[in-house]
Amino acid sequence: MKPFGSDTKRHFNLKEAEEFRENFFVRKRLFETSDMHFNVYCIAPGQENPLHRHPNSDEILYFVEGTGECVVGEETYPVNSGDLVWVPKDVPHAIHNLHESANLVCILAQSPLPCEHVPVK
């Protein structure tokens, strides 16, 4: 997966994100600066972004399509199109698509970099 750079178009077709790997969601880097990642996640019905944390990075999640739930720390929130969720650094979080047939699409920013990904058991 190649990040969009200054020599590349800065648009993204959500249809491109529908190439799912079995039992795992698709993520695509839209662009990256020296301080931030900007990605789109397309999570199929029944899939999830498992519980994890970023020790040194905050994350902003903007849900653009579908419904599901987002775990942030000890709280679980229903999420729908148009919802925005802030995940402070080092707080465990997860995204679950609980819908039977619709994708859950989320655009997210992570900063500062590097953004370490630590699974939480």
PDB file of N, CA and C in Angstrom:
ATOM      1  N   MET A   1       0.840  -1.162   0.000  1.00  0.00           N
ATOM      2  CA  MET A   1       0.000   0.000   0.000  1.00  0.00           C
ATOM      3  C   MET A   1       0.893   1.235   0.000  1.00  0.00           C
ATOM      4  N   LYS A   2       0.763   2.075  -1.000  1.00  0.00           N
ATOM      5  CA  LYS A   2       1.602   3.264  -1.123  1.00  0.00           C
ATOM      6  C   LYS A   2       0.845   4.494  -0.625  1.00  0.00           C
ATOM      7  N   PRO A   3       1.432   5.261   0.290  1.00  0.00           N
ATOM      8  CA  PRO A   3       0.768   6.486   0.743  1.00  0.00           C
ATOM      9  C   PRO A   3       0.700   7.511  -0.380  1.00  0.00           C
ATOM     10  N   PHE A   4      -0.335   8.345  -0.354  1.00  0.00           N
ATOM     11  CA  PHE A   4      -0.422   9.436  -1.312  1.00  0.00           C
ATOM     12  C   PHE A   4       0.687  10.425  -1.017  1.00  0.00           C
ATOM     13  N   GLY A   5       1.427  10.840  -2.009  1.00  0.00           N
ATOM     14  CA  GLY A   5       2.494  11.819  -1.839  1.00  0.00           C
ATOM     15  C   GLY A   5       2.197  13.066  -2.647  1.00  0.00           C
ATOM     16  N   SER A   6       3.126  13.984  -2.675  1.00  0.00           N
ATOM     17  CA  SER A   6       2.915  15.249  -3.375  1.00  0.00           C
ATOM     18  C   SER A   6       2.775  15.044  -4.882  1.00  0.00           C
ATOM     19  N   ASP A   7       3.271  13.915  -5.398  1.00  0.00           N
ATOM     20  CA  ASP A   7       3.183  13.652  -6.828  1.00  0.00           C
ATOM     21  C   ASP A   7       1.967  12.792  -7.182  1.00  0.00           C
ATOM     22  N   THR A   8       1.078  12.548  -6.230  1.00  0.00           N
ATOM     23  CA  THR A   8      -0.056  11.659  -6.426  1.00  0.00           C
ATOM     24  C   THR A   8      -1.352  12.415  -6.179  1.00  0.00           C
ATOM     25  N   LYS A   9      -2.417  12.016  -6.856  1.00  0.00           N
ATOM     26  CA  LYS A   9      -3.725  12.622  -6.621  1.00  0.00           C
ATOM     27  C   LYS A   9      -4.109  12.441  -5.159  1.00  0.00           C
ATOM     28  N   ARG A  10      -4.756  13.423  -4.581  1.00  0.00           N
ATOM     29  CA  ARG A  10      -5.161  13.360  -3.184  1.00  0.00           C
ATOM     30  C   ARG A  10      -6.658  13.104  -3.087  1.00  0.00           C
ATOM     31  N   HIS A  11      -7.115  12.007  -3.646  1.00  0.00           N
ATOM     32  CA  HIS A  11      -8.505  11.598  -3.494  1.00  0.00           C
ATOM     33  C   HIS A  11      -8.524  10.096  -3.261  1.00  0.00           C
ATOM     34  N   PHE A  12      -9.657   9.630  -2.795  1.00  0.00           N
ATOM     35  CA  PHE A  12      -9.771   8.211  -2.488  1.00  0.00           C
ATOM     36  C   PHE A  12     -11.167   7.749  -2.833  1.00  0.00           C
ATOM     37  N   ASN A  13     -11.264   6.665  -3.533  1.00  0.00           N
ATOM     38  CA  ASN A  13     -12.542   6.069  -3.893  1.00  0.00           C
ATOM     39  C   ASN A  13     -12.825   4.948  -2.897  1.00  0.00           C
ATOM     40  N   LEU A  14     -13.925   5.070  -2.121  1.00  0.00           N
ATOM     41  CA  LEU A  14     -14.216   4.065  -1.102  1.00  0.00           C
ATOM     42  C   LEU A  14     -14.388   2.673  -1.697  1.00  0.00           C
ATOM     43  N   LYS A  15     -14.741   2.572  -2.971  1.00  0.00           N
ATOM     44  CA  LYS A  15     -14.858   1.253  -3.611  1.00  0.00           C
ATOM     45  C   LYS A  15     -13.520   0.520  -3.576  1.00  0.00           C
ATOM     46  N   GLU A  16     -12.401   1.272  -3.617  1.00  0.00           N
ATOM     47  CA  GLU A  16     -11.076   0.656  -3.569  1.00  0.00           C
ATOM     48  C   GLU A  16     -10.845  -0.065  -2.246  1.00  0.00           C
ATOM     49  N   ALA A  17     -11.549   0.329  -1.193  1.00  0.00           N
ATOM     50  CA  ALA A  17     -11.333  -0.252   0.130  1.00  0.00           C
ATOM     51  C   ALA A  17     -12.135  -1.527   0.337  1.00  0.00           C
ATOM     52  N   GLU A  18     -12.860  -1.977  -0.679  1.00  0.00           N
ATOM     53  CA  GLU A  18     -13.712  -3.139  -0.504  1.00  0.00           C
ATOM     54  C   GLU A  18     -13.015  -4.450  -0.865  1.00  0.00           C
ATOM     55  N   GLU A  19     -11.705  -4.450  -0.956  1.00  0.00           N
ATOM     56  CA  GLU A  19     -10.951  -5.671  -1.214  1.00  0.00           C
ATOM     57  C   GLU A  19     -10.556  -6.269   0.128  1.00  0.00           C
ATOM     58  N   PHE A  20     -11.491  -6.970   0.757  1.00  0.00           N
ATOM     59  CA  PHE A  20     -11.282  -7.427   2.125  1.00  0.00           C
ATOM     60  C   PHE A  20     -10.411  -8.655   2.198  1.00  0.00           C
ATOM     61  N   ARG A  21      -9.584  -8.677   3.212  1.00  0.00           N
ATOM     62  CA  ARG A  21      -8.859  -9.881   3.564  1.00  0.00           C
ATOM     63  C   ARG A  21      -9.751 -10.647   4.527  1.00  0.00           C
ATOM     64  N   GLU A  22      -9.762 -11.943   4.458  1.00  0.00           N
ATOM     65  CA  GLU A  22     -10.608 -12.751   5.327  1.00  0.00           C
ATOM     66  C   GLU A  22     -10.304 -12.465   6.795  1.00  0.00           C
ATOM     67  N   ASN A  23     -11.336 -12.202   7.571  1.00  0.00           N
ATOM     68  CA  ASN A  23     -11.258 -11.969   9.018  1.00  0.00           C
ATOM     69  C   ASN A  23     -10.475 -10.727   9.416  1.00  0.00           C
ATOM     70  N   PHE A  24     -10.229  -9.810   8.472  1.00  0.00           N
ATOM     71  CA  PHE A  24      -9.523  -8.589   8.846  1.00  0.00           C
ATOM     72  C   PHE A  24     -10.002  -7.454   7.960  1.00  0.00           C
ATOM     73  N   PHE A  25     -10.038  -6.260   8.503  1.00  0.00           N
ATOM     74  CA  PHE A  25     -10.514  -5.101   7.757  1.00  0.00           C
ATOM     75  C   PHE A  25      -9.416  -4.541   6.859  1.00  0.00           C
ATOM     76  N   VAL A  26      -9.824  -3.681   5.934  1.00  0.00           N
ATOM     77  CA  VAL A  26      -8.885  -3.042   5.027  1.00  0.00           C
ATOM     78  C   VAL A  26      -8.570  -1.640   5.526  1.00  0.00           C
ATOM     79  N   ARG A  27      -7.304  -1.299   5.534  1.00  0.00           N
ATOM     80  CA  ARG A  27      -6.895   0.062   5.860  1.00  0.00           C
ATOM     81  C   ARG A  27      -6.054   0.587   4.702  1.00  0.00           C
ATOM     82  N   LYS A  28      -6.209   1.877   4.435  1.00  0.00           N
ATOM     83  CA  LYS A  28      -5.452   2.493   3.353  1.00  0.00           C
ATOM     84  C   LYS A  28      -4.936   3.845   3.833  1.00  0.00           C
ATOM     85  N   ARG A  29      -3.652   4.072   3.651  1.00  0.00           N
ATOM     86  CA  ARG A  29      -3.034   5.352   4.007  1.00  0.00           C
ATOM     87  C   ARG A  29      -3.422   6.361   2.945  1.00  0.00           C
ATOM     88  N   LEU A  30      -4.117   7.425   3.337  1.00  0.00           N
ATOM     89  CA  LEU A  30      -4.491   8.469   2.396  1.00  0.00           C
ATOM     90  C   LEU A  30      -3.342   9.438   2.196  1.00  0.00           C
ATOM     91  N   PHE A  31      -2.717   9.859   3.296  1.00  0.00           N
ATOM     92  CA  PHE A  31      -1.484  10.624   3.212  1.00  0.00           C
ATOM     93  C   PHE A  31      -0.805  10.628   4.570  1.00  0.00           C
ATOM     94  N   GLU A  32       0.451  11.054   4.568  1.00  0.00           N
ATOM     95  CA  GLU A  32       1.257  11.073   5.777  1.00  0.00           C
ATOM     96  C   GLU A  32       2.135  12.309   5.737  1.00  0.00           C
ATOM     97  N   THR A  33       2.247  12.975   6.874  1.00  0.00           N
ATOM     98  CA  THR A  33       3.201  14.071   7.008  1.00  0.00           C
ATOM     99  C   THR A  33       4.288  13.604   7.971  1.00  0.00           C
ATOM    100  N   SER A  34       5.194  14.471   8.319  1.00  0.00           N
ATOM    101  CA  SER A  34       6.237  14.091   9.274  1.00  0.00           C
ATOM    102  C   SER A  34       5.661  13.903  10.673  1.00  0.00           C
ATOM    103  N   ASP A  35       4.450  14.406  10.932  1.00  0.00           N
ATOM    104  CA  ASP A  35       3.855  14.348  12.267  1.00  0.00           C
ATOM    105  C   ASP A  35       2.525  13.602  12.359  1.00  0.00           C
ATOM    106  N   MET A  36       1.954  13.162  11.213  1.00  0.00           N
ATOM    107  CA  MET A  36       0.603  12.607  11.258  1.00  0.00           C
ATOM    108  C   MET A  36       0.380  11.558  10.172  1.00  0.00           C
ATOM    109  N   HIS A  37      -0.371  10.506  10.537  1.00  0.00           N
ATOM    110  CA  HIS A  37      -0.926   9.559   9.569  1.00  0.00           C
ATOM    111  C   HIS A  37      -2.380   9.939   9.355  1.00  0.00           C
ATOM    112  N   PHE A  38      -2.889   9.773   8.131  1.00  0.00           N
ATOM    113  CA  PHE A  38      -4.287  10.005   7.823  1.00  0.00           C
ATOM    114  C   PHE A  38      -4.739   8.813   6.994  1.00  0.00           C
ATOM    115  N   ASN A  39      -5.642   7.982   7.560  1.00  0.00           N
ATOM    116  CA  ASN A  39      -6.017   6.693   6.969  1.00  0.00           C
ATOM    117  C   ASN A  39      -7.519   6.575   6.804  1.00  0.00           C
ATOM    118  N   VAL A  40      -7.940   5.608   6.006  1.00  0.00           N
ATOM    119  CA  VAL A  40      -9.337   5.199   5.957  1.00  0.00           C
ATOM    120  C   VAL A  40      -9.377   3.711   6.287  1.00  0.00           C
ATOM    121  N   TYR A  41     -10.329   3.325   7.127  1.00  0.00           N
ATOM    122  CA  TYR A  41     -10.556   1.920   7.462  1.00  0.00           C
ATOM    123  C   TYR A  41     -11.918   1.542   6.923  1.00  0.00           C
ATOM    124  N   CYS A  42     -11.992   0.403   6.261  1.00  0.00           N
ATOM    125  CA  CYS A  42     -13.258  -0.135   5.773  1.00  0.00           C
ATOM    126  C   CYS A  42     -13.422  -1.500   6.446  1.00  0.00           C
ATOM    127  N   ILE A  43     -14.389  -1.573   7.357  1.00  0.00           N
ATOM    128  CA  ILE A  43     -14.552  -2.751   8.202  1.00  0.00           C
ATOM    129  C   ILE A  43     -15.836  -3.462   7.782  1.00  0.00           C
ATOM    130  N   ALA A  44     -15.701  -4.684   7.314  1.00  0.00           N
ATOM    131  CA  ALA A  44     -16.844  -5.465   6.833  1.00  0.00           C
ATOM    132  C   ALA A  44     -17.708  -5.930   8.007  1.00  0.00           C
ATOM    133  N   PRO A  45     -18.957  -6.322   7.710  1.00  0.00           N
ATOM    134  CA  PRO A  45     -19.831  -6.844   8.766  1.00  0.00           C
ATOM    135  C   PRO A  45     -19.145  -7.961   9.550  1.00  0.00           C
ATOM    136  N   GLY A  46     -19.194  -7.848  10.884  1.00  0.00           N
ATOM    137  CA  GLY A  46     -18.596  -8.855  11.754  1.00  0.00           C
ATOM    138  C   GLY A  46     -17.118  -8.662  12.007  1.00  0.00           C
ATOM    139  N   GLN A  47     -16.459  -7.759  11.273  1.00  0.00           N
ATOM    140  CA  GLN A  47     -15.024  -7.525  11.476  1.00  0.00           C
ATOM    141  C   GLN A  47     -14.801  -6.458  12.542  1.00  0.00           C
ATOM    142  N   GLU A  48     -13.550  -6.341  12.973  1.00  0.00           N
ATOM    143  CA  GLU A  48     -13.208  -5.354  13.995  1.00  0.00           C
ATOM    144  C   GLU A  48     -11.765  -4.894  13.837  1.00  0.00           C
ATOM    145  N   ASN A  49     -11.482  -3.751  14.408  1.00  0.00           N
ATOM    146  CA  ASN A  49     -10.114  -3.303  14.659  1.00  0.00           C
ATOM    147  C   ASN A  49      -9.921  -3.647  16.132  1.00  0.00           C
ATOM    148  N   PRO A  50      -9.184  -4.710  16.454  1.00  0.00           N
ATOM    149  CA  PRO A  50      -9.116  -5.220  17.830  1.00  0.00           C
ATOM    150  C   PRO A  50      -8.544  -4.214  18.831  1.00  0.00           C
ATOM    151  N   LEU A  51      -8.818  -4.473  20.092  1.00  0.00           N
ATOM    152  CA  LEU A  51      -8.381  -3.610  21.182  1.00  0.00           C
ATOM    153  C   LEU A  51      -6.863  -3.428  21.150  1.00  0.00           C
ATOM    154  N   HIS A  52      -6.440  -2.168  21.153  1.00  0.00           N
ATOM    155  CA  HIS A  52      -5.027  -1.819  21.110  1.00  0.00           C
ATOM    156  C   HIS A  52      -4.871  -0.410  21.671  1.00  0.00           C
ATOM    157  N   ARG A  53      -3.627   0.038  21.783  1.00  0.00           N
ATOM    158  CA  ARG A  53      -3.357   1.399  22.265  1.00  0.00           C
ATOM    159  C   ARG A  53      -2.153   1.955  21.523  1.00  0.00           C
ATOM    160  N   HIS A  54      -2.030   3.293  21.566  1.00  0.00           N
ATOM    161  CA  HIS A  54      -0.891   3.997  20.984  1.00  0.00           C
ATOM    162  C   HIS A  54      -0.247   4.804  22.115  1.00  0.00           C
ATOM    163  N   PRO A  55       0.854   4.320  22.689  1.00  0.00           N
ATOM    164  CA  PRO A  55       1.438   4.944  23.884  1.00  0.00           C
ATOM    165  C   PRO A  55       1.771   6.430  23.750  1.00  0.00           C
ATOM    166  N   ASN A  56       2.126   6.875  22.548  1.00  0.00           N
ATOM    167  CA  ASN A  56       2.580   8.265  22.394  1.00  0.00           C
ATOM    168  C   ASN A  56       1.763   9.085  21.407  1.00  0.00           C
ATOM    169  N   SER A  57       0.642   8.532  20.911  1.00  0.00           N
ATOM    170  CA  SER A  57      -0.124   9.216  19.866  1.00  0.00           C
ATOM    171  C   SER A  57      -1.605   9.292  20.203  1.00  0.00           C
ATOM    172  N   ASP A  58      -2.206  10.450  19.897  1.00  0.00           N
ATOM    173  CA  ASP A  58      -3.657  10.594  19.945  1.00  0.00           C
ATOM    174  C   ASP A  58      -4.224  10.100  18.622  1.00  0.00           C
ATOM    175  N   GLU A  59      -5.531   9.798  18.629  1.00  0.00           N
ATOM    176  CA  GLU A  59      -6.200   9.365  17.406  1.00  0.00           C
ATOM    177  C   GLU A  59      -7.569  10.018  17.342  1.00  0.00           C
ATOM    178  N   ILE A  60      -7.923  10.504  16.164  1.00  0.00           N
ATOM    179  CA  ILE A  60      -9.249  11.050  15.905  1.00  0.00           C
ATOM    180  C   ILE A  60      -9.912  10.134  14.885  1.00  0.00           C
ATOM    181  N   LEU A  61     -11.130   9.676  15.178  1.00  0.00           N
ATOM    182  CA  LEU A  61     -11.891   8.794  14.298  1.00  0.00           C
ATOM    183  C   LEU A  61     -13.130   9.537  13.817  1.00  0.00           C
ATOM    184  N   TYR A  62     -13.346   9.572  12.493  1.00  0.00           N
ATOM    185  CA  TYR A  62     -14.550  10.170  11.931  1.00  0.00           C
ATOM    186  C   TYR A  62     -15.252   9.103  11.101  1.00  0.00           C
ATOM    187  N   PHE A  63     -16.457   8.756  11.503  1.00  0.00           N
ATOM    188  CA  PHE A  63     -17.209   7.683  10.845  1.00  0.00           C
ATOM    189  C   PHE A  63     -18.017   8.265   9.690  1.00  0.00           C
ATOM    190  N   VAL A  64     -17.756   7.762   8.478  1.00  0.00           N
ATOM    191  CA  VAL A  64     -18.381   8.320   7.278  1.00  0.00           C
ATOM    192  C   VAL A  64     -19.466   7.428   6.692  1.00  0.00           C
ATOM    193  N   GLU A  65     -19.500   6.164   7.102  1.00  0.00           N
ATOM    194  CA  GLU A  65     -20.492   5.249   6.546  1.00  0.00           C
ATOM    195  C   GLU A  65     -20.706   4.100   7.516  1.00  0.00           C
ATOM    196  N   GLY A  66     -21.963   3.681   7.675  1.00  0.00           N
ATOM    197  CA  GLY A  66     -22.280   2.508   8.468  1.00  0.00           C
ATOM    198  C   GLY A  66     -22.551   2.799   9.930  1.00  0.00           C
ATOM    199  N   THR A  67     -22.691   1.703  10.677  1.00  0.00           N
ATOM    200  CA  THR A  67     -22.931   1.772  12.117  1.00  0.00           C
ATOM    201  C   THR A  67     -22.103   0.703  12.800  1.00  0.00           C
ATOM    202  N   GLY A  68     -21.819   0.916  14.073  1.00  0.00           N
ATOM    203  CA  GLY A  68     -21.049  -0.059  14.834  1.00  0.00           C
ATOM    204  C   GLY A  68     -20.874   0.431  16.251  1.00  0.00           C
ATOM    205  N   GLU A  69     -19.777  -0.015  16.862  1.00  0.00           N
ATOM    206  CA  GLU A  69     -19.461   0.470  18.203  1.00  0.00           C
ATOM    207  C   GLU A  69     -17.969   0.727  18.297  1.00  0.00           C
ATOM    208  N   CYS A  70     -17.633   1.668  19.177  1.00  0.00           N
ATOM    209  CA  CYS A  70     -16.245   2.046  19.405  1.00  0.00           C
ATOM    210  C   CYS A  70     -15.989   1.946  20.903  1.00  0.00           C
ATOM    211  N   VAL A  71     -14.966   1.208  21.267  1.00  0.00           N
ATOM    212  CA  VAL A  71     -14.545   1.086  22.654  1.00  0.00           C
ATOM    213  C   VAL A  71     -13.408   2.075  22.872  1.00  0.00           C
ATOM    214  N   VAL A  72     -13.537   2.904  23.911  1.00  0.00           N
ATOM    215  CA  VAL A  72     -12.474   3.841  24.291  1.00  0.00           C
ATOM    216  C   VAL A  72     -12.333   3.735  25.802  1.00  0.00           C
ATOM    217  N   GLY A  73     -11.210   3.165  26.239  1.00  0.00           N
ATOM    218  CA  GLY A  73     -11.012   2.948  27.672  1.00  0.00           C
ATOM    219  C   GLY A  73     -12.050   1.965  28.199  1.00  0.00           C
ATOM    220  N   GLU A  74     -12.765   2.358  29.237  1.00  0.00           N
ATOM    221  CA  GLU A  74     -13.781   1.503  29.858  1.00  0.00           C
ATOM    222  C   GLU A  74     -15.163   1.692  29.246  1.00  0.00           C
ATOM    223  N   GLU A  75     -15.306   2.626  28.295  1.00  0.00           N
ATOM    224  CA  GLU A  75     -16.609   2.959  27.712  1.00  0.00           C
ATOM    225  C   GLU A  75     -16.775   2.345  26.325  1.00  0.00           C
ATOM    226  N   THR A  76     -18.017   1.983  25.988  1.00  0.00           N
ATOM    227  CA  THR A  76     -18.371   1.516  24.655  1.00  0.00           C
ATOM    228  C   THR A  76     -19.455   2.439  24.116  1.00  0.00           C
ATOM    229  N   TYR A  77     -19.236   2.994  22.909  1.00  0.00           N
ATOM    230  CA  TYR A  77     -20.144   3.952  22.313  1.00  0.00           C
ATOM    231  C   TYR A  77     -20.696   3.421  20.998  1.00  0.00           C
ATOM    232  N   PRO A  78     -22.006   3.570  20.751  1.00  0.00           N
ATOM    233  CA  PRO A  78     -22.512   3.289  19.404  1.00  0.00           C
ATOM    234  C   PRO A  78     -21.993   4.380  18.469  1.00  0.00           C
ATOM    235  N   VAL A  79     -21.630   4.018  17.246  1.00  0.00           N
ATOM    236  CA  VAL A  79     -21.168   5.003  16.279  1.00  0.00           C
ATOM    237  C   VAL A  79     -21.956   4.869  14.983  1.00  0.00           C
ATOM    238  N   ASN A  80     -22.195   6.019  14.373  1.00  0.00           N
ATOM    239  CA  ASN A  80     -22.930   6.116  13.116  1.00  0.00           C
ATOM    240  C   ASN A  80     -22.220   7.113  12.218  1.00  0.00           C
ATOM    241  N   SER A  81     -22.642   7.169  10.969  1.00  0.00           N
ATOM    242  CA  SER A  81     -22.134   8.167  10.033  1.00  0.00           C
ATOM    243  C   SER A  81     -22.206   9.553  10.652  1.00  0.00           C
ATOM    244  N   GLY A  82     -21.110  10.292  10.578  1.00  0.00           N
ATOM    245  CA  GLY A  82     -21.067  11.655  11.100  1.00  0.00           C
ATOM    246  C   GLY A  82     -20.524  11.770  12.509  1.00  0.00           C
ATOM    247  N   ASP A  83     -20.324  10.646  13.198  1.00  0.00           N
ATOM    248  CA  ASP A  83     -19.785  10.685  14.563  1.00  0.00           C
ATOM    249  C   ASP A  83     -18.269  10.869  14.541  1.00  0.00           C
ATOM    250  N   LEU A  84     -17.788  11.609  15.543  1.00  0.00           N
ATOM    251  CA  LEU A  84     -16.360  11.880  15.713  1.00  0.00           C
ATOM    252  C   LEU A  84     -15.962  11.396  17.103  1.00  0.00           C
ATOM    253  N   VAL A  85     -14.878  10.626  17.182  1.00  0.00           N
ATOM    254  CA  VAL A  85     -14.415  10.079  18.463  1.00  0.00           C
ATOM    255  C   VAL A  85     -12.942  10.437  18.636  1.00  0.00           C
ATOM    256  N   TRP A  86     -12.592  10.955  19.805  1.00  0.00           N
ATOM    257  CA  TRP A  86     -11.208  11.248  20.152  1.00  0.00           C
ATOM    258  C   TRP A  86     -10.699  10.155  21.075  1.00  0.00           C
ATOM    259  N   VAL A  87      -9.530   9.593  20.751  1.00  0.00           N
ATOM    260  CA  VAL A  87      -8.877   8.585  21.585  1.00  0.00           C
ATOM    261  C   VAL A  87      -7.565   9.184  22.081  1.00  0.00           C
ATOM    262  N   PRO A  88      -7.472   9.513  23.377  1.00  0.00           N
ATOM    263  CA  PRO A  88      -6.221  10.067  23.911  1.00  0.00           C
ATOM    264  C   PRO A  88      -5.096   9.033  23.869  1.00  0.00           C
ATOM    265  N   LYS A  89      -3.866   9.510  23.847  1.00  0.00           N
ATOM    266  CA  LYS A  89      -2.718   8.603  23.810  1.00  0.00           C
ATOM    267  C   LYS A  89      -2.770   7.604  24.962  1.00  0.00           C
ATOM    268  N   ASP A  90      -2.357   6.395  24.669  1.00  0.00           N
ATOM    269  CA  ASP A  90      -2.225   5.272  25.597  1.00  0.00           C
ATOM    270  C   ASP A  90      -3.548   4.720  26.130  1.00  0.00           C
ATOM    271  N   VAL A  91      -4.685   5.152  25.573  1.00  0.00           N
ATOM    272  CA  VAL A  91      -5.986   4.625  26.001  1.00  0.00           C
ATOM    273  C   VAL A  91      -6.373   3.465  25.076  1.00  0.00           C
ATOM    274  N   PRO A  92      -6.666   2.282  25.636  1.00  0.00           N
ATOM    275  CA  PRO A  92      -7.089   1.153  24.801  1.00  0.00           C
ATOM    276  C   PRO A  92      -8.371   1.495  24.034  1.00  0.00           C
ATOM    277  N   HIS A  93      -8.428   1.059  22.764  1.00  0.00           N
ATOM    278  CA  HIS A  93      -9.597   1.331  21.945  1.00  0.00           C
ATOM    279  C   HIS A  93      -9.760   0.263  20.869  1.00  0.00           C
ATOM    280  N   ALA A  94     -10.989   0.148  20.376  1.00  0.00           N
ATOM    281  CA  ALA A  94     -11.323  -0.834  19.348  1.00  0.00           C
ATOM    282  C   ALA A  94     -12.522  -0.318  18.567  1.00  0.00           C
ATOM    283  N   ILE A  95     -12.701  -0.837  17.345  1.00  0.00           N
ATOM    284  CA  ILE A  95     -13.871  -0.524  16.525  1.00  0.00           C
ATOM    285  C   ILE A  95     -14.478  -1.850  16.083  1.00  0.00           C
ATOM    286  N   HIS A  96     -15.800  -1.973  16.230  1.00  0.00           N
ATOM    287  CA  HIS A  96     -16.505  -3.198  15.849  1.00  0.00           C
ATOM    288  C   HIS A  96     -17.630  -2.864  14.880  1.00  0.00           C
ATOM    289  N   ASN A  97     -17.706  -3.604  13.784  1.00  0.00           N
ATOM    290  CA  ASN A  97     -18.850  -3.491  12.888  1.00  0.00           C
ATOM    291  C   ASN A  97     -19.822  -4.601  13.266  1.00  0.00           C
ATOM    292  N   LEU A  98     -20.948  -4.227  13.855  1.00  0.00           N
ATOM    293  CA  LEU A  98     -21.934  -5.200  14.310  1.00  0.00           C
ATOM    294  C   LEU A  98     -23.074  -5.393  13.315  1.00  0.00           C
ATOM    295  N   HIS A  99     -23.048  -4.637  12.214  1.00  0.00           N
ATOM    296  CA  HIS A  99     -24.120  -4.714  11.223  1.00  0.00           C
ATOM    297  C   HIS A  99     -24.041  -6.032  10.458  1.00  0.00           C
ATOM    298  N   GLU A 100     -25.185  -6.536  10.020  1.00  0.00           N
ATOM    299  CA  GLU A 100     -25.212  -7.828   9.318  1.00  0.00           C
ATOM    300  C   GLU A 100     -24.798  -7.741   7.860  1.00  0.00           C
ATOM    301  N   SER A 101     -24.929  -6.539   7.238  1.00  0.00           N
ATOM    302  CA  SER A 101     -24.655  -6.484   5.801  1.00  0.00           C
ATOM    303  C   SER A 101     -23.928  -5.230   5.311  1.00  0.00           C
ATOM    304  N   ALA A 102     -23.790  -4.197   6.134  1.00  0.00           N
ATOM    305  CA  ALA A 102     -23.189  -2.943   5.667  1.00  0.00           C
ATOM    306  C   ALA A 102     -21.777  -2.748   6.218  1.00  0.00           C
ATOM    307  N   ASN A 103     -20.913  -2.157   5.400  1.00  0.00           N
ATOM    308  CA  ASN A 103     -19.556  -1.820   5.825  1.00  0.00           C
ATOM    309  C   ASN A 103     -19.581  -0.660   6.815  1.00  0.00           C
ATOM    310  N   LEU A 104     -18.566  -0.590   7.665  1.00  0.00           N
ATOM    311  CA  LEU A 104     -18.336   0.537   8.555  1.00  0.00           C
ATOM    312  C   LEU A 104     -17.059   1.208   8.054  1.00  0.00           C
ATOM    313  N   VAL A 105     -17.170   2.474   7.645  1.00  0.00           N
ATOM    314  CA  VAL A 105     -16.034   3.190   7.077  1.00  0.00           C
ATOM    315  C   VAL A 105     -15.676   4.348   7.998  1.00  0.00           C
ATOM    316  N   CYS A 106     -14.398   4.430   8.327  1.00  0.00           N
ATOM    317  CA  CYS A 106     -13.901   5.425   9.278  1.00  0.00           C
ATOM    318  C   CYS A 106     -12.641   6.069   8.719  1.00  0.00           C
ATOM    319  N   ILE A 107     -12.582   7.394   8.782  1.00  0.00           N
ATOM    320  CA  ILE A 107     -11.367   8.120   8.436  1.00  0.00           C
ATOM    321  C   ILE A 107     -10.707   8.509   9.752  1.00  0.00           C
ATOM    322  N   LEU A 108      -9.393   8.326   9.852  1.00  0.00           N
ATOM    323  CA  LEU A 108      -8.742   8.613  11.126  1.00  0.00           C
ATOM    324  C   LEU A 108      -7.390   9.272  10.946  1.00  0.00           C
ATOM    325  N   ALA A 109      -7.046  10.056  11.957  1.00  0.00           N
ATOM    326  CA  ALA A 109      -5.739  10.718  12.005  1.00  0.00           C
ATOM    327  C   ALA A 109      -5.042  10.284  13.288  1.00  0.00           C
ATOM    328  N   GLN A 110      -3.753  10.017  13.182  1.00  0.00           N
ATOM    329  CA  GLN A 110      -2.929   9.638  14.333  1.00  0.00           C
ATOM    330  C   GLN A 110      -1.732  10.583  14.387  1.00  0.00           C
ATOM    331  N   SER A 111      -1.495  11.145  15.569  1.00  0.00           N
ATOM    332  CA  SER A 111      -0.395  12.093  15.728  1.00  0.00           C
ATOM    333  C   SER A 111      -0.016  12.158  17.204  1.00  0.00           C
ATOM    334  N   PRO A 112       1.263  12.386  17.533  1.00  0.00           N
ATOM    335  CA  PRO A 112       2.420  12.509  16.647  1.00  0.00           C
ATOM    336  C   PRO A 112       2.936  11.140  16.224  1.00  0.00           C
ATOM    337  N   LEU A 113       3.852  11.173  15.272  1.00  0.00           N
ATOM    338  CA  LEU A 113       4.514   9.963  14.799  1.00  0.00           C
ATOM    339  C   LEU A 113       5.865   9.821  15.485  1.00  0.00           C
ATOM    340  N   PRO A 114       6.422   8.635  15.580  1.00  0.00           N
ATOM    341  CA  PRO A 114       5.828   7.389  15.120  1.00  0.00           C
ATOM    342  C   PRO A 114       4.662   6.973  16.011  1.00  0.00           C
ATOM    343  N   CYS A 115       3.695   6.311  15.398  1.00  0.00           N
ATOM    344  CA  CYS A 115       2.500   5.861  16.109  1.00  0.00           C
ATOM    345  C   CYS A 115       2.639   4.365  16.376  1.00  0.00           C
ATOM    346  N   GLU A 116       3.115   4.033  17.556  1.00  0.00           N
ATOM    347  CA  GLU A 116       3.314   2.637  17.939  1.00  0.00           C
ATOM    348  C   GLU A 116       1.971   1.977  18.189  1.00  0.00           C
ATOM    349  N   HIS A 117       1.796   0.756  17.702  1.00  0.00           N
ATOM    350  CA  HIS A 117       0.558  -0.009  17.837  1.00  0.00           C
ATOM    351  C   HIS A 117       0.807  -1.166  18.815  1.00  0.00           C
ATOM    352  N   VAL A 118       0.154  -1.114  19.996  1.00  0.00           N
ATOM    353  CA  VAL A 118       0.373  -2.126  21.035  1.00  0.00           C
ATOM    354  C   VAL A 118      -0.925  -2.873  21.298  1.00  0.00           C
ATOM    355  N   PRO A 119      -1.007  -4.162  20.963  1.00  0.00           N
ATOM    356  CA  PRO A 119      -2.224  -4.938  21.247  1.00  0.00           C
ATOM    357  C   PRO A 119      -2.511  -4.986  22.744  1.00  0.00           C
ATOM    358  N   VAL A 120      -3.794  -5.008  23.084  1.00  0.00           N
ATOM    359  CA  VAL A 120      -4.243  -5.121  24.482  1.00  0.00           C
ATOM    360  C   VAL A 120      -5.001  -6.421  24.602  1.00  0.00           C
ATOM    361  N   LYS A 121      -4.634  -7.226  25.610  1.00  0.00           N
ATOM    362  CA  LYS A 121      -5.282  -8.532  25.793  1.00  0.00           C
ATOM    363  C   LYS A 121      -6.355  -8.458  26.827  1.00  0.00           C
TER     364      LYS A 121
END
